[in-house]
Amino acid sequence: MSYKIKKKQKTKNYQYRPNNLTGYPLSSKKHKFIIQNTEVKNILIMDKTIASKLVAKKVTAKYERLLKTLTELLVSDDDTGTCYREALNLIEKFRLEIKNKYRCYLNEKELKIMANKLKRMQSVALQKEIELKSYIPEEYIGKSR
């Protein structure tokens, strides 16, 4: 793969980016890339096939981390039920993030597989939360001290 870097003298201190360009912005930890001893701050991937592969890799990594934390939360012995509520919040947060940021880059098959597993985890968390609430006597619900 070849690329070219155009080095120009900066005359003004602004960036020109047309509004009609759409693509996946490539990110890094240091917010910059160094290519041929030149600092590049913004890289926008315009090719949808390349972007979909990058996004799929990123999303699967996030998804695997989410599954690990969800299993830890659902297996834990918590009598207050906060771990189940936190698991439900994490599932909803991940679902919204995928919907807003990455949906146009992912395949429907990948989305359905992730959604089905998350629905199962969500139903388990809801079921455990309901069971926990049924064990708490009604006279103590909503009262402090």
Protein backbone atom coordinates (compact mmCIF):
# COMPACT_ATOMS: atom_id res chain seq x y z
CA MET A 1 0.00 0.00 0.00
CA SER A 2 1.49 3.32 -0.96
CA TYR A 3 0.69 6.76 0.31
CA LYS A 4 1.92 10.24 -0.16
CA ILE A 5 2.37 13.03 2.31
CA LYS A 6 2.06 16.52 1.00
CA LYS A 7 4.05 19.01 2.98
CA LYS A 8 2.82 22.55 2.63
CA GLN A 9 3.62 25.71 4.43
CA LYS A 10 0.87 26.67 6.84
CA THR A 11 -0.28 30.18 6.14
CA LYS A 12 -3.37 30.20 8.33
CA ASN A 13 -4.14 28.45 11.56
CA TYR A 14 -7.30 26.59 10.58
CA GLN A 15 -8.25 23.25 9.13
CA TYR A 16 -10.38 22.88 6.04
CA ARG A 17 -12.68 19.91 6.03
CA PRO A 18 -15.65 19.81 3.66
CA ASN A 19 -18.93 18.81 5.24
CA ASN A 20 -19.76 16.19 2.64
CA LEU A 21 -16.87 13.88 3.59
CA THR A 22 -18.01 10.89 5.59
CA GLY A 23 -15.82 8.14 6.87
CA TYR A 24 -14.47 6.45 9.94
CA PRO A 25 -11.98 8.57 11.91
CA LEU A 26 -8.95 6.55 12.92
CA SER A 27 -7.97 7.10 16.52
CA SER A 28 -4.81 6.64 18.52
CA LYS A 29 -3.85 6.94 22.15
CA LYS A 30 -1.60 9.95 21.57
CA HIS A 31 -4.04 11.70 19.19
CA LYS A 32 -1.45 11.76 16.46
CA PHE A 33 0.32 9.47 14.03
CA ILE A 34 3.89 9.75 12.84
CA ILE A 35 4.34 8.87 9.17
CA GLN A 36 7.71 9.46 7.54
CA ASN A 37 8.78 11.73 10.42
CA THR A 38 5.68 13.87 9.89
CA GLU A 39 3.00 14.29 12.52
CA VAL A 40 -0.50 13.53 11.21
CA LYS A 41 -3.41 14.36 13.49
CA ASN A 42 -6.55 13.33 11.61
CA ILE A 43 -6.93 10.26 9.45
CA LEU A 44 -10.34 9.62 7.93
CA ILE A 45 -10.92 6.22 6.31
CA MET A 46 -13.22 6.65 3.35
CA ASP A 47 -13.30 3.05 2.07
CA LYS A 48 -16.22 1.29 3.73
CA THR A 49 -14.72 -2.21 3.50
CA ILE A 50 -11.53 -1.20 5.31
CA ALA A 51 -13.50 0.78 7.87
CA SER A 52 -15.87 -2.12 8.50
CA LYS A 53 -12.97 -4.45 9.24
CA LEU A 54 -11.43 -1.98 11.68
CA VAL A 55 -14.74 -1.29 13.37
CA ALA A 56 -15.56 -5.00 13.63
CA LYS A 57 -12.26 -5.65 15.37
CA LYS A 58 -12.79 -2.73 17.75
CA VAL A 59 -16.39 -3.67 18.56
CA THR A 60 -15.63 -7.34 19.16
CA ALA A 61 -12.90 -6.36 21.62
CA LYS A 62 -15.34 -4.10 23.48
CA TYR A 63 -17.99 -6.81 23.34
CA GLU A 64 -15.66 -9.43 24.83
CA ARG A 65 -14.71 -7.06 27.66
CA LEU A 66 -18.40 -6.37 28.29
CA LEU A 67 -19.21 -10.07 28.47
CA LYS A 68 -16.43 -10.63 31.01
CA THR A 69 -17.67 -7.83 33.27
CA LEU A 70 -21.28 -8.94 32.91
CA THR A 71 -20.49 -12.50 33.93
CA GLU A 72 -18.54 -11.21 36.94
CA LEU A 73 -21.46 -9.01 37.94
CA LEU A 74 -24.09 -11.70 37.48
CA VAL A 75 -22.11 -14.37 39.34
CA SER A 76 -21.25 -12.15 42.31
CA ASP A 77 -23.06 -12.63 45.61
CA ASP A 78 -24.61 -9.22 46.14
CA ASP A 79 -27.59 -8.94 48.45
CA THR A 80 -28.46 -5.36 47.53
CA GLY A 81 -29.01 -5.92 43.80
CA THR A 82 -26.76 -3.09 42.64
CA CYS A 83 -24.67 -5.46 40.52
CA TYR A 84 -27.74 -6.49 38.52
CA ARG A 85 -28.75 -2.88 37.97
CA GLU A 86 -25.18 -2.05 36.92
CA ALA A 87 -25.20 -4.98 34.47
CA LEU A 88 -28.42 -3.69 32.92
CA ASN A 89 -26.93 -0.21 32.62
CA LEU A 90 -23.78 -1.54 30.92
CA ILE A 91 -25.85 -3.52 28.43
CA GLU A 92 -27.95 -0.47 27.55
CA LYS A 93 -24.89 1.76 27.25
CA PHE A 94 -23.17 -0.69 24.88
CA ARG A 95 -26.32 -1.07 22.79
CA LEU A 96 -26.71 2.68 22.36
CA GLU A 97 -23.02 3.13 21.53
CA ILE A 98 -23.24 0.51 18.79
CA LYS A 99 -26.44 2.04 17.46
CA ASN A 100 -25.06 5.57 17.31
CA LYS A 101 -21.43 5.08 16.28
CA TYR A 102 -20.87 1.78 14.53
CA ARG A 103 -24.11 0.46 13.02
CA CYS A 104 -23.39 1.61 9.47
CA TYR A 105 -20.04 -0.23 9.46
CA LEU A 106 -21.15 -3.61 10.90
CA ASN A 107 -22.91 -6.51 9.22
CA GLU A 108 -26.45 -7.44 10.21
CA LYS A 109 -25.27 -10.94 11.09
CA GLU A 110 -22.74 -9.60 13.61
CA LEU A 111 -25.32 -7.25 15.10
CA LYS A 112 -27.90 -10.03 15.51
CA ILE A 113 -25.44 -12.37 17.23
CA MET A 114 -24.39 -9.66 19.68
CA ALA A 115 -27.98 -8.57 20.28
CA ASN A 116 -29.17 -12.11 21.03
CA LYS A 117 -26.44 -12.74 23.61
CA LEU A 118 -27.04 -9.37 25.24
CA LYS A 119 -30.80 -10.01 25.39
CA ARG A 120 -30.16 -13.29 27.18
CA MET A 121 -27.83 -11.61 29.66
CA GLN A 122 -30.35 -8.81 30.16
CA SER A 123 -33.16 -11.25 30.87
CA VAL A 124 -31.00 -13.12 33.40
CA ALA A 125 -30.15 -9.86 35.16
CA LEU A 126 -33.81 -8.81 35.27
CA GLN A 127 -34.86 -12.20 36.56
CA LYS A 128 -32.28 -12.16 39.35
CA GLU A 129 -33.24 -8.62 40.30
CA ILE A 130 -36.90 -9.60 40.55
CA GLU A 131 -36.01 -12.66 42.66
CA LEU A 132 -33.94 -10.50 44.98
CA LYS A 133 -36.76 -7.99 45.40
CA SER A 134 -39.20 -10.77 46.26
CA TYR A 135 -36.98 -11.88 49.18
CA ILE A 136 -36.85 -8.41 50.75
CA PRO A 137 -39.78 -7.87 53.13
CA GLU A 138 -42.19 -5.20 51.94
CA GLU A 139 -42.00 -3.21 55.16
CA TYR A 140 -38.31 -2.41 54.54
CA ILE A 141 -38.64 -1.30 50.93
CA GLY A 142 -38.28 2.47 50.59
CA LYS A 143 -37.59 3.07 54.27
CA SER A 144 -34.32 4.23 55.67
CA ARG A 145 -33.30 3.49 59.24
